[in-house]
């Protein structure tokens, strides 16, 4: 007999993926260049040449067992050492290889982090707007995801609600900054206040409340925006990182868990990740990709296109009367829909070949997400479609 909980999930597929599939099908009808697809956060900029060169060099010069064999359970030792040295150099925390576990992207890193610090029935708290896949990521471990309502003034943290929801059952708090879907970067003041609250509640409840920091967009930060290192504010932080966005290699599924060296059981936690892998099958990410990222740790793809695209959309949306918090990073913008029901708003947009994602599944009804990781030329062409959409569907707002 099939497992019912997974069968039930068939009726609740990702809205983002469904819209992406719609865009692909529509593209077959009218040409994909004429579909303004803002659905899927799939990086569009080329991979750095240094990454490609590293792959070619290794394939030409190194043995197949080294490149294509299993890595150690915790990751290749030299790669872990390189990651730790880079983190120490960049953020001033004394990372060593004992604090690093190589994982299959940020999703794999999160899968380990959740299982490190929760038992079935425990709660993990996160903040809307949030990445909707956190629901299956957390709930299928047996833990329970609780979502703090959004602070829609600036998409920082709604601390009034946090105080109510940070109960004794909460074993971890999950943050994502720069944030998907809002593009907002949590400020130092926000992180300091959160860290202080977690220290207070950990003492009050007699158990550590861990801070899990999901950081796949860490390198996509716009000019003049301060993007503090979350781990610097709270000792019991578990950093979950992916190279998908920084190097533009999402299909390679490579990232890491970095446990704050100041965490009381940091080395045990990393060793436990190796044991968790035995049960969930996220063990031993591809050796060749581990070696390639180790050679390009502090490089990025040319991420400037994302800020260019953001500025184009932000100016146009605000000129059209759309309320919007300006992103500080990522390749997402999260405006307020021009009517209460964002699902209806996004359905109307489809008539103009604009593929927008309603904010309901992100925990923020009435808003919509645009993933602008597409060519700038296409963003520019989409502006007229946006104007036509607002003019024809919302004449009063456009007037």
Foldseek 3Di string as FASTA:
>chain_A
DDDVVVVVCVVVDDLLVVLVVVLVVVCVVVNSLQFAAQRDQQFDFAFDVLLVVLLVVCVVPHDCCLQFNFDPFQANQLLLQLVQVVCCVVAVFNGGSLQKGKWQFLLRLLLLVLVLFDDQAAEEEEEFLADLCVQCSNVVRNYHYDYQFAPVVARQHPVVSVVVVVDLSAQEYEYEPVGPAALAAHDPVSLLVVQVVQVVVCVVNVHHYAYEYRYAFVPFFDPPDDHHDSCVRHQRYKYRYGLCAFRVCSVQRITMIGGRPSPPCSSVSSVVSSVVCVVPVRTGRRSNSSVSCSSVVPHGGPNVQLVVLQVLVVVLCVLLVWAWNRRRGDNKTKIFAPDQAVVVSQVLLVVLSHHWAASVSSNDGRIIMGRRSDGSVSSVVCSVSVLCSCCVVPVPSRD
